[in-house]
Amino acid sequence: MRRWLAVHERLEQQYRAPQILDWVDVPGTEHSGLLFEHIDGSTWDIDSRPDLMNEIASLLLNLHEDDELVRALGDPGRTYRECWELRYREQFYDLERAEFGPPGLSYPSVSALVELTRAKFQREDFSQPRDVHPLYLRLSDAEMNWVKQAR
């Protein structure tokens, strides 16, 4: 968070980030953090703003390609995958049967699926088909459509 404080002016000017008002230490606790200006808003309504996901992806791309920001933060450039892993790896680390594959397997394909299962196959670590269930990080497209139709 302190690193954000160091680059907040660029984030506010170039990326519409909310203004940072102050650094706050919560008395009597180990908690502290940034205090941002309040921004009025609402939950994303996909029907009224279907293009928002593309806007967010474009914004992320610009952030990742901002060399001045990278230099100011002192970090090497990272891919989206590397950023995701840094943020979420610990949350998924304790899953009993989860394994992280190399970056080449980031896109769904039959060859990626075969590569993901190769290590288990070589260890002769087989699962019964009835024990295999997908773990989704979001609702499936079908479920989203059901929710949308129910409105």
Protein backbone atom coordinates (compact mmCIF):
# COMPACT_ATOMS: atom_id res chain seq x y z
CA MET A 1 0.00 0.00 0.00
CA ARG A 2 2.85 2.37 0.73
CA ARG A 3 4.09 1.74 -2.80
CA TRP A 4 0.73 2.95 -4.15
CA LEU A 5 1.15 6.08 -2.07
CA ALA A 6 4.43 6.75 -3.91
CA VAL A 7 2.78 6.59 -7.36
CA HIS A 8 -0.73 7.80 -6.58
CA GLU A 9 -0.45 11.02 -8.60
CA ARG A 10 0.31 9.12 -11.80
CA LEU A 11 -2.50 6.63 -11.09
CA GLU A 12 -4.97 9.44 -10.44
CA GLN A 13 -3.97 11.44 -13.54
CA GLN A 14 -3.47 8.63 -16.06
CA TYR A 15 -5.84 5.90 -14.85
CA ARG A 16 -8.77 7.60 -13.10
CA ALA A 17 -7.77 6.10 -9.75
CA PRO A 18 -9.55 7.61 -6.76
CA GLN A 19 -7.67 10.32 -4.90
CA ILE A 20 -5.70 9.18 -1.87
CA LEU A 21 -6.59 11.34 1.11
CA ASP A 22 -4.24 9.98 3.75
CA TRP A 23 -2.46 7.04 5.33
CA VAL A 24 -4.38 5.73 8.34
CA ASP A 25 -3.08 3.72 11.30
CA VAL A 26 -5.94 2.18 13.29
CA PRO A 27 -5.15 2.85 16.97
CA GLY A 28 -4.74 -0.22 19.16
CA THR A 29 -4.38 -2.59 16.20
CA GLU A 30 -1.82 -3.68 13.67
CA HIS A 31 -4.10 -2.46 10.85
CA SER A 32 -3.26 0.44 8.60
CA GLY A 33 -3.86 1.48 5.04
CA LEU A 34 -4.80 4.11 2.54
CA LEU A 35 -7.86 6.32 2.86
CA PHE A 36 -9.40 7.00 -0.56
CA GLU A 37 -11.97 9.55 -1.60
CA HIS A 38 -15.53 8.21 -1.73
CA ILE A 39 -16.79 7.41 -5.21
CA ASP A 40 -20.53 7.10 -5.72
CA GLY A 41 -21.36 4.09 -7.78
CA SER A 42 -23.39 0.96 -8.13
CA THR A 43 -22.95 -2.71 -8.88
CA TRP A 44 -22.14 -3.44 -12.52
CA ASP A 45 -25.27 -4.11 -14.54
CA ILE A 46 -24.07 -6.16 -17.51
CA ASP A 47 -27.18 -5.27 -19.54
CA SER A 48 -26.58 -1.53 -19.35
CA ARG A 49 -22.74 -1.68 -19.61
CA PRO A 50 -21.77 -4.80 -21.62
CA ASP A 51 -18.57 -3.07 -22.77
CA LEU A 52 -17.21 -2.57 -19.25
CA MET A 53 -15.15 -5.78 -19.27
CA ASN A 54 -13.35 -4.62 -22.42
CA GLU A 55 -12.67 -1.24 -20.80
CA ILE A 56 -11.20 -2.96 -17.74
CA ALA A 57 -9.03 -5.24 -19.87
CA SER A 58 -7.76 -2.21 -21.81
CA LEU A 59 -7.00 -0.37 -18.58
CA LEU A 60 -5.07 -3.37 -17.23
CA LEU A 61 -3.10 -3.63 -20.46
CA ASN A 62 -2.15 0.05 -20.20
CA LEU A 63 -1.08 -0.40 -16.57
CA HIS A 64 1.07 -3.41 -17.43
CA GLU A 65 2.72 -1.58 -20.32
CA ASP A 66 3.40 1.66 -18.40
CA ASP A 67 7.21 1.72 -18.24
CA GLU A 68 7.28 4.85 -16.07
CA LEU A 69 5.05 3.17 -13.50
CA VAL A 70 7.20 0.00 -13.59
CA ARG A 71 10.35 2.07 -12.97
CA ALA A 72 8.69 4.00 -10.13
CA LEU A 73 7.55 0.79 -8.43
CA GLY A 74 10.89 -0.92 -9.02
CA ASP A 75 9.26 -4.14 -10.19
CA PRO A 76 10.00 -6.04 -13.36
CA GLY A 77 7.17 -6.21 -15.85
CA ARG A 78 4.77 -9.08 -15.17
CA THR A 79 2.25 -10.93 -17.25
CA TYR A 80 -1.40 -11.10 -16.20
CA ARG A 81 -0.78 -14.71 -15.18
CA GLU A 82 2.15 -13.76 -12.94
CA CYS A 83 0.07 -11.05 -11.27
CA TRP A 84 -2.81 -13.49 -10.75
CA GLU A 85 -0.48 -16.06 -9.22
CA LEU A 86 1.08 -13.49 -6.88
CA ARG A 87 -2.39 -12.47 -5.71
CA TYR A 88 -4.22 -15.81 -5.55
CA ARG A 89 -1.69 -18.63 -5.29
CA GLU A 90 -1.85 -18.71 -1.48
CA GLN A 91 -5.65 -18.95 -1.54
CA PHE A 92 -5.54 -22.01 -3.77
CA TYR A 93 -2.34 -23.52 -2.40
CA ASP A 94 -4.07 -25.79 0.10
CA LEU A 95 -6.37 -27.39 -2.44
CA GLU A 96 -5.64 -31.10 -2.20
CA ARG A 97 -5.49 -31.83 -5.90
CA ALA A 98 -4.61 -28.50 -7.51
CA GLU A 99 -1.42 -28.03 -9.47
CA PHE A 100 -0.20 -24.90 -11.26
CA GLY A 101 0.92 -25.51 -14.81
CA PRO A 102 3.39 -23.53 -16.91
CA PRO A 103 2.24 -20.37 -18.74
CA GLY A 104 1.85 -22.23 -22.04
CA LEU A 105 -1.19 -23.99 -20.60
CA SER A 106 -3.11 -20.79 -19.89
CA TYR A 107 -5.48 -21.21 -22.82
CA PRO A 108 -8.01 -24.06 -22.99
CA SER A 109 -7.13 -26.71 -25.55
CA VAL A 110 -6.91 -30.48 -25.76
CA SER A 111 -3.10 -30.32 -25.85
CA ALA A 112 -3.09 -28.18 -22.68
CA LEU A 113 -5.38 -30.67 -20.93
CA VAL A 114 -3.10 -33.56 -21.91
CA GLU A 115 -0.05 -31.66 -20.66
CA LEU A 116 -1.77 -30.88 -17.35
CA THR A 117 -2.53 -34.56 -16.76
CA ARG A 118 0.89 -35.88 -17.84
CA ALA A 119 2.55 -35.46 -14.42
CA LYS A 120 -0.28 -37.28 -12.65
CA PHE A 121 -0.19 -40.05 -15.22
CA GLN A 122 3.57 -40.51 -14.83
CA ARG A 123 3.10 -40.78 -11.04
CA GLU A 124 0.32 -43.30 -11.69
CA ASP A 125 -1.94 -41.00 -9.69
CA PHE A 126 -5.28 -41.87 -11.24
CA SER A 127 -8.69 -40.49 -10.26
CA GLN A 128 -11.99 -42.22 -10.60
CA PRO A 129 -14.19 -40.38 -13.10
CA ARG A 130 -16.89 -39.94 -10.45
CA ASP A 131 -14.36 -38.08 -8.26
CA VAL A 132 -13.45 -35.48 -10.88
CA HIS A 133 -15.35 -32.19 -10.60
CA PRO A 134 -14.48 -28.83 -12.15
CA LEU A 135 -13.64 -25.89 -9.90
CA TYR A 136 -14.90 -22.68 -11.48
CA LEU A 137 -13.58 -19.27 -10.55
CA ARG A 138 -16.81 -17.76 -11.88
CA LEU A 139 -20.26 -18.94 -12.87
CA SER A 140 -20.39 -20.90 -16.11
CA ASP A 141 -21.87 -19.14 -19.13
CA ALA A 142 -24.98 -21.31 -18.86
CA GLU A 143 -25.50 -20.32 -15.21
CA MET A 144 -25.02 -16.64 -16.03
CA ASN A 145 -27.61 -16.94 -18.79
CA TRP A 146 -30.07 -18.64 -16.42
CA VAL A 147 -29.66 -15.80 -13.92
CA LYS A 148 -30.06 -13.25 -16.71
CA GLN A 149 -33.21 -14.95 -18.03
CA ALA A 150 -34.71 -15.15 -14.54
CA ARG A 151 -34.66 -11.33 -14.24
